[in-house]
C-alpha atoms as a PDB file:
ATOM      1  CA  MET A   1       0.000   0.000   0.000  1.00  0.00           C
ATOM      2  CA  ASP A   2       1.853   3.048  -1.225  1.00  0.00           C
ATOM      3  CA  SER A   3       0.237   6.052   0.412  1.00  0.00           C
ATOM      4  CA  THR A   4       2.823   8.674  -0.485  1.00  0.00           C
ATOM      5  CA  TYR A   5       3.085  11.080  -3.328  1.00  0.00           C
ATOM      6  CA  SER A   6       4.417   9.332  -6.400  1.00  0.00           C
ATOM      7  CA  PRO A   7       7.266  11.138  -8.156  1.00  0.00           C
ATOM      8  CA  ARG A   8       6.380   9.199 -11.304  1.00  0.00           C
ATOM      9  CA  SER A   9       3.188  11.220 -11.618  1.00  0.00           C
ATOM     10  CA  THR A  10       5.008  14.529 -11.802  1.00  0.00           C
ATOM     11  CA  SER A  11       7.885  16.076 -13.648  1.00  0.00           C
ATOM     12  CA  LYS A  12      11.537  15.819 -12.688  1.00  0.00           C
ATOM     13  CA  THR A  13      11.642  19.599 -12.410  1.00  0.00           C
ATOM     14  CA  LYS A  14       8.784  19.653  -9.924  1.00  0.00           C
ATOM     15  CA  MET A  15      10.448  16.979  -7.790  1.00  0.00           C
ATOM     16  CA  LEU A  16      13.747  18.891  -7.905  1.00  0.00           C
ATOM     17  CA  VAL A  17      11.921  21.965  -6.598  1.00  0.00           C
ATOM     18  CA  ILE A  18      10.213  19.912  -3.869  1.00  0.00           C
ATOM     19  CA  HIS A  19      13.564  18.432  -2.801  1.00  0.00           C
ATOM     20  CA  ALA A  20      15.168  21.887  -2.729  1.00  0.00           C
ATOM     21  CA  LEU A  21      12.294  23.315  -0.688  1.00  0.00           C
ATOM     22  CA  PHE A  22      12.483  20.564   1.898  1.00  0.00           C
ATOM     23  CA  ILE A  23      16.265  20.914   2.136  1.00  0.00           C
ATOM     24  CA  ALA A  24      15.736  24.636   2.781  1.00  0.00           C
ATOM     25  CA  PHE A  25      12.901  24.034   5.277  1.00  0.00           C
ATOM     26  CA  THR A  26      14.995  21.483   7.170  1.00  0.00           C
ATOM     27  CA  LEU A  27      18.054  23.755   7.210  1.00  0.00           C
ATOM     28  CA  ALA A  28      16.010  26.770   8.378  1.00  0.00           C
ATOM     29  CA  ALA A  29      14.153  24.851  11.084  1.00  0.00           C
ATOM     30  CA  THR A  30      17.420  23.396  12.357  1.00  0.00           C
ATOM     31  CA  MET A  31      19.271  26.698  12.278  1.00  0.00           C
ATOM     32  CA  PHE A  32      16.679  29.166  13.479  1.00  0.00           C
ATOM     33  CA  ILE A  33      14.299  27.193  15.699  1.00  0.00           C
ATOM     34  CA  ASN A  34      16.600  25.680  18.283  1.00  0.00           C
ATOM     35  CA  ILE A  35      17.319  25.777  21.987  1.00  0.00           C
ATOM     36  CA  ARG A  36      20.627  25.032  23.638  1.00  0.00           C
ATOM     37  CA  LEU A  37      20.094  22.880  26.727  1.00  0.00           C
ATOM     38  CA  PRO A  38      22.654  23.024  29.558  1.00  0.00           C
ATOM     39  CA  ILE A  39      23.494  19.310  29.538  1.00  0.00           C
ATOM     40  CA  MET A  40      26.688  17.494  28.726  1.00  0.00           C
ATOM     41  CA  GLY A  41      27.469  16.261  25.244  1.00  0.00           C
ATOM     42  CA  ASN A  42      26.007  17.688  22.070  1.00  0.00           C
ATOM     43  CA  GLY A  43      22.451  16.546  22.780  1.00  0.00           C
ATOM     44  CA  GLY A  44      22.020  19.953  24.305  1.00  0.00           C
ATOM     45  CA  LEU A  45      21.000  21.424  20.955  1.00  0.00           C
ATOM     46  CA  ILE A  46      17.390  20.649  20.240  1.00  0.00           C
ATOM     47  CA  HIS A  47      15.765  21.948  17.088  1.00  0.00           C
ATOM     48  CA  LEU A  48      12.722  21.537  14.883  1.00  0.00           C
ATOM     49  CA  GLY A  49      14.598  20.339  11.785  1.00  0.00           C
ATOM     50  CA  ASN A  50      12.966  16.937  12.138  1.00  0.00           C
ATOM     51  CA  VAL A  51       9.535  18.449  11.426  1.00  0.00           C
ATOM     52  CA  PRO A  52      10.132  19.161   7.707  1.00  0.00           C
ATOM     53  CA  LEU A  53      12.152  15.940   7.486  1.00  0.00           C
ATOM     54  CA  PHE A  54       9.166  13.845   8.622  1.00  0.00           C
ATOM     55  CA  ILE A  55       6.712  15.823   6.503  1.00  0.00           C
ATOM     56  CA  ALA A  56       8.905  15.240   3.446  1.00  0.00           C
ATOM     57  CA  ALA A  57       9.200  11.526   4.234  1.00  0.00           C
ATOM     58  CA  PHE A  58       5.497  10.968   4.899  1.00  0.00           C
ATOM     59  CA  VAL A  59       4.033  13.158   2.149  1.00  0.00           C
ATOM     60  CA  TYR A  60       6.580  12.694  -0.653  1.00  0.00           C
ATOM     61  CA  GLY A  61       8.279   9.440   0.299  1.00  0.00           C
ATOM     62  CA  ARG A  62      11.556   7.956   1.403  1.00  0.00           C
ATOM     63  CA  LYS A  63      13.763   9.581  -1.233  1.00  0.00           C
ATOM     64  CA  THR A  64      12.552  13.083  -0.410  1.00  0.00           C
ATOM     65  CA  GLY A  65      12.820  12.360   3.325  1.00  0.00           C
ATOM     66  CA  ALA A  66      16.392  11.146   2.930  1.00  0.00           C
ATOM     67  CA  ILE A  67      17.393  14.110   0.759  1.00  0.00           C
ATOM     68  CA  ALA A  68      15.765  16.670   3.071  1.00  0.00           C
ATOM     69  CA  GLY A  69      17.404  15.225   6.167  1.00  0.00           C
ATOM     70  CA  ALA A  70      20.836  14.468   4.772  1.00  0.00           C
ATOM     71  CA  PHE A  71      21.363  17.735   2.918  1.00  0.00           C
ATOM     72  CA  GLY A  72      19.329  20.057   5.195  1.00  0.00           C
ATOM     73  CA  MET A  73      20.940  19.049   8.467  1.00  0.00           C
ATOM     74  CA  GLY A  74      24.291  18.312   6.821  1.00  0.00           C
ATOM     75  CA  LEU A  75      24.373  21.880   5.510  1.00  0.00           C
ATOM     76  CA  PHE A  76      23.496  23.155   8.979  1.00  0.00           C
ATOM     77  CA  ASP A  77      26.547  21.385  10.366  1.00  0.00           C
ATOM     78  CA  LEU A  78      28.770  22.794   7.624  1.00  0.00           C
ATOM     79  CA  ILE A  79      27.726  26.425   7.968  1.00  0.00           C
ATOM     80  CA  SER A  80      27.259  26.627  11.730  1.00  0.00           C
ATOM     81  CA  GLY A  81      30.601  25.429  13.026  1.00  0.00           C
ATOM     82  CA  TRP A  82      29.777  21.740  13.510  1.00  0.00           C
ATOM     83  CA  THR A  83      31.783  20.725  10.440  1.00  0.00           C
ATOM     84  CA  ALA A  84      33.227  17.542  11.963  1.00  0.00           C
ATOM     85  CA  TRP A  85      29.660  16.290  12.415  1.00  0.00           C
ATOM     86  CA  ALA A  86      28.527  16.914   8.811  1.00  0.00           C
ATOM     87  CA  PRO A  87      29.425  13.530   7.248  1.00  0.00           C
ATOM     88  CA  PHE A  88      27.899  11.671  10.193  1.00  0.00           C
ATOM     89  CA  THR A  89      24.770  13.822  10.125  1.00  0.00           C
ATOM     90  CA  PHE A  90      24.448  13.274   6.384  1.00  0.00           C
ATOM     91  CA  ILE A  91      24.365   9.500   6.906  1.00  0.00           C
ATOM     92  CA  ILE A  92      22.362   9.329  10.153  1.00  0.00           C
ATOM     93  CA  VAL A  93      19.679  11.855   9.306  1.00  0.00           C
ATOM     94  CA  GLY A  94      19.512  10.689   5.698  1.00  0.00           C
ATOM     95  CA  ALA A  95      18.849   7.187   7.050  1.00  0.00           C
ATOM     96  CA  MET A  96      16.202   8.568   9.389  1.00  0.00           C
ATOM     97  CA  GLY A  97      14.364  10.215   6.491  1.00  0.00           C
ATOM     98  CA  TYR A  98      14.679   7.182   4.242  1.00  0.00           C
ATOM     99  CA  VAL A  99      13.516   4.651   6.834  1.00  0.00           C
ATOM    100  CA  ALA A 100      10.678   6.876   8.074  1.00  0.00           C
ATOM    101  CA  GLY A 101       9.482   7.330   4.505  1.00  0.00           C
ATOM    102  CA  LEU A 102       9.839   3.631   3.754  1.00  0.00           C
ATOM    103  CA  ILE A 103       7.793   2.619   6.793  1.00  0.00           C
ATOM    104  CA  GLY A 104       5.222   5.305   6.010  1.00  0.00           C
ATOM    105  CA  GLU A 105       4.920   3.970   2.460  1.00  0.00           C
ATOM    106  CA  LYS A 106       4.998   0.222   3.032  1.00  0.00           C
ATOM    107  CA  MET A 107       3.485  -0.523   6.435  1.00  0.00           C
ATOM    108  CA  PRO A 108      -0.085  -1.715   6.014  1.00  0.00           C
ATOM    109  CA  GLY A 109      -2.908  -0.545   8.221  1.00  0.00           C
ATOM    110  CA  LYS A 110      -3.757   2.793   9.725  1.00  0.00           C
ATOM    111  CA  ARG A 111      -1.513   5.631   8.617  1.00  0.00           C
ATOM    112  CA  THR A 112      -1.245   7.133  12.094  1.00  0.00           C
ATOM    113  CA  LEU A 113       0.129   3.865  13.470  1.00  0.00           C
ATOM    114  CA  ALA A 114       2.570   3.580  10.547  1.00  0.00           C
ATOM    115  CA  TYR A 115       3.793   7.124  11.143  1.00  0.00           C
ATOM    116  CA  CYS A 116       4.206   6.478  14.882  1.00  0.00           C
ATOM    117  CA  VAL A 117       6.276   3.366  14.135  1.00  0.00           C
ATOM    118  CA  ALA A 118       8.315   5.329  11.573  1.00  0.00           C
ATOM    119  CA  ILE A 119       9.025   8.088  14.099  1.00  0.00           C
ATOM    120  CA  ALA A 120      10.003   5.526  16.743  1.00  0.00           C
ATOM    121  CA  VAL A 121      12.438   3.814  14.346  1.00  0.00           C
ATOM    122  CA  ALA A 122      13.875   7.202  13.302  1.00  0.00           C
ATOM    123  CA  LEU A 123      14.353   7.988  16.994  1.00  0.00           C
ATOM    124  CA  ILE A 124      16.329   4.774  17.479  1.00  0.00           C
ATOM    125  CA  ILE A 125      18.475   5.554  14.418  1.00  0.00           C
ATOM    126  CA  LYS A 126      19.211   9.043  15.766  1.00  0.00           C
ATOM    127  CA  ILE A 127      20.043   7.977  19.321  1.00  0.00           C
ATOM    128  CA  VAL A 128      22.196   4.992  18.353  1.00  0.00           C
ATOM    129  CA  GLY A 129      23.863   6.789  15.439  1.00  0.00           C
ATOM    130  CA  TYR A 130      24.825   9.910  17.367  1.00  0.00           C
ATOM    131  CA  TYR A 131      25.849   7.908  20.429  1.00  0.00           C
ATOM    132  CA  PHE A 132      28.496   6.076  18.384  1.00  0.00           C
ATOM    133  CA  VAL A 133      29.565   9.263  16.583  1.00  0.00           C
ATOM    134  CA  GLU A 134      30.207  10.910  19.940  1.00  0.00           C
ATOM    135  CA  VAL A 135      32.160   7.848  21.057  1.00  0.00           C
ATOM    136  CA  ILE A 136      34.315   8.233  17.925  1.00  0.00           C
ATOM    137  CA  LEU A 137      34.727  12.011  18.203  1.00  0.00           C
ATOM    138  CA  TYR A 138      35.254  12.193  21.977  1.00  0.00           C
ATOM    139  CA  GLY A 139      36.839   8.809  22.668  1.00  0.00           C
ATOM    140  CA  ASN A 140      34.553   8.336  25.634  1.00  0.00           C
ATOM    141  CA  TRP A 141      31.777   5.756  26.176  1.00  0.00           C
ATOM    142  CA  ILE A 142      30.051   7.640  29.021  1.00  0.00           C
ATOM    143  CA  GLN A 143      29.771  11.248  27.844  1.00  0.00           C
ATOM    144  CA  PRO A 144      27.491  10.433  24.855  1.00  0.00           C
ATOM    145  CA  PHE A 145      24.731   9.347  27.239  1.00  0.00           C
ATOM    146  CA  GLY A 146      24.251  13.052  27.979  1.00  0.00           C
ATOM    147  CA  SER A 147      23.080  13.619  24.402  1.00  0.00           C
ATOM    148  CA  ILE A 148      20.276  11.084  24.518  1.00  0.00           C
ATOM    149  CA  PRO A 149      17.672  13.300  26.270  1.00  0.00           C
ATOM    150  CA  GLY A 150      18.100  16.092  23.705  1.00  0.00           C
ATOM    151  CA  ASN A 151      17.931  13.697  20.758  1.00  0.00           C
ATOM    152  CA  PHE A 152      14.871  12.016  22.278  1.00  0.00           C
ATOM    153  CA  LEU A 153      13.136  15.346  22.845  1.00  0.00           C
ATOM    154  CA  GLN A 154      13.889  16.546  19.300  1.00  0.00           C
ATOM    155  CA  VAL A 155      12.278  13.574  17.597  1.00  0.00           C
ATOM    156  CA  ILE A 156       9.312  13.253  19.979  1.00  0.00           C
ATOM    157  CA  VAL A 157       8.421  16.954  19.675  1.00  0.00           C
ATOM    158  CA  ALA A 158       8.697  16.682  15.877  1.00  0.00           C
ATOM    159  CA  GLY A 159       6.409  13.650  15.936  1.00  0.00           C
ATOM    160  CA  ILE A 160       3.841  15.488  18.078  1.00  0.00           C
ATOM    161  CA  ILE A 161       3.856  18.377  15.591  1.00  0.00           C
ATOM    162  CA  VAL A 162       3.833  16.257  12.418  1.00  0.00           C
ATOM    163  CA  LEU A 163       1.252  13.572  13.239  1.00  0.00           C
ATOM    164  CA  PRO A 164      -1.807  15.861  13.229  1.00  0.00           C
ATOM    165  CA  LEU A 165      -0.568  17.743  10.146  1.00  0.00           C
ATOM    166  CA  VAL A 166       0.548  15.034   7.751  1.00  0.00           C
ATOM    167  CA  GLY A 167      -2.930  13.758   6.809  1.00  0.00           C
ATOM    168  CA  ARG A 168      -4.082  17.259   5.982  1.00  0.00           C
ATOM    169  CA  LEU A 169      -0.935  18.009   4.016  1.00  0.00           C
ATOM    170  CA  LYS A 170      -1.365  14.844   1.970  1.00  0.00           C
ATOM    171  CA  LYS A 171      -4.901  15.971   1.106  1.00  0.00           C
ATOM    172  CA  ILE A 172      -3.546  19.324  -0.029  1.00  0.00           C
ATOM    173  CA  VAL A 173      -1.141  17.655  -2.462  1.00  0.00           C
ATOM    174  CA  GLY A 174      -3.907  15.291  -3.532  1.00  0.00           C
ATOM    175  CA  GLN A 175      -2.682  12.032  -2.070  1.00  0.00           C
ATOM    176  CA  ALA A 176      -4.964  11.150   0.834  1.00  0.00           C
END
């Protein structure tokens, strides 16, 4: 049951524009709508960049979700002084967008349940992925635990925002 927007039914130019818009939305939400929490590790930066990532994944599919996440948040890292994180972010957040979109597309049953499962799996990808990146970058197995609350909060807040919106947005683009 494919319930996402099909890129085959539109032009390559239109999909390029959609990808570019979601990259920009993800970058802007990550850069300008964030709060720095006073906790150890880098989980102290929480942002709303996951909101456009999940919308892209659920409305337009796994490819758009992966592109929005990988390039949007990867660009944030590059231009905001987190350059060492950029290649890791590209892979981790790209995987989050791809897997969330894939689950949203392929899981049978109620869409809300599929989206909740997709968000939960994306949360696991984010927490596990960034935990091991911090182990690599800091050479410490304990400090990365401090980032888990911020990563958890980021994805859960995004899910709370996206779940009531995604059905309506799909209707707007003609896919519900």
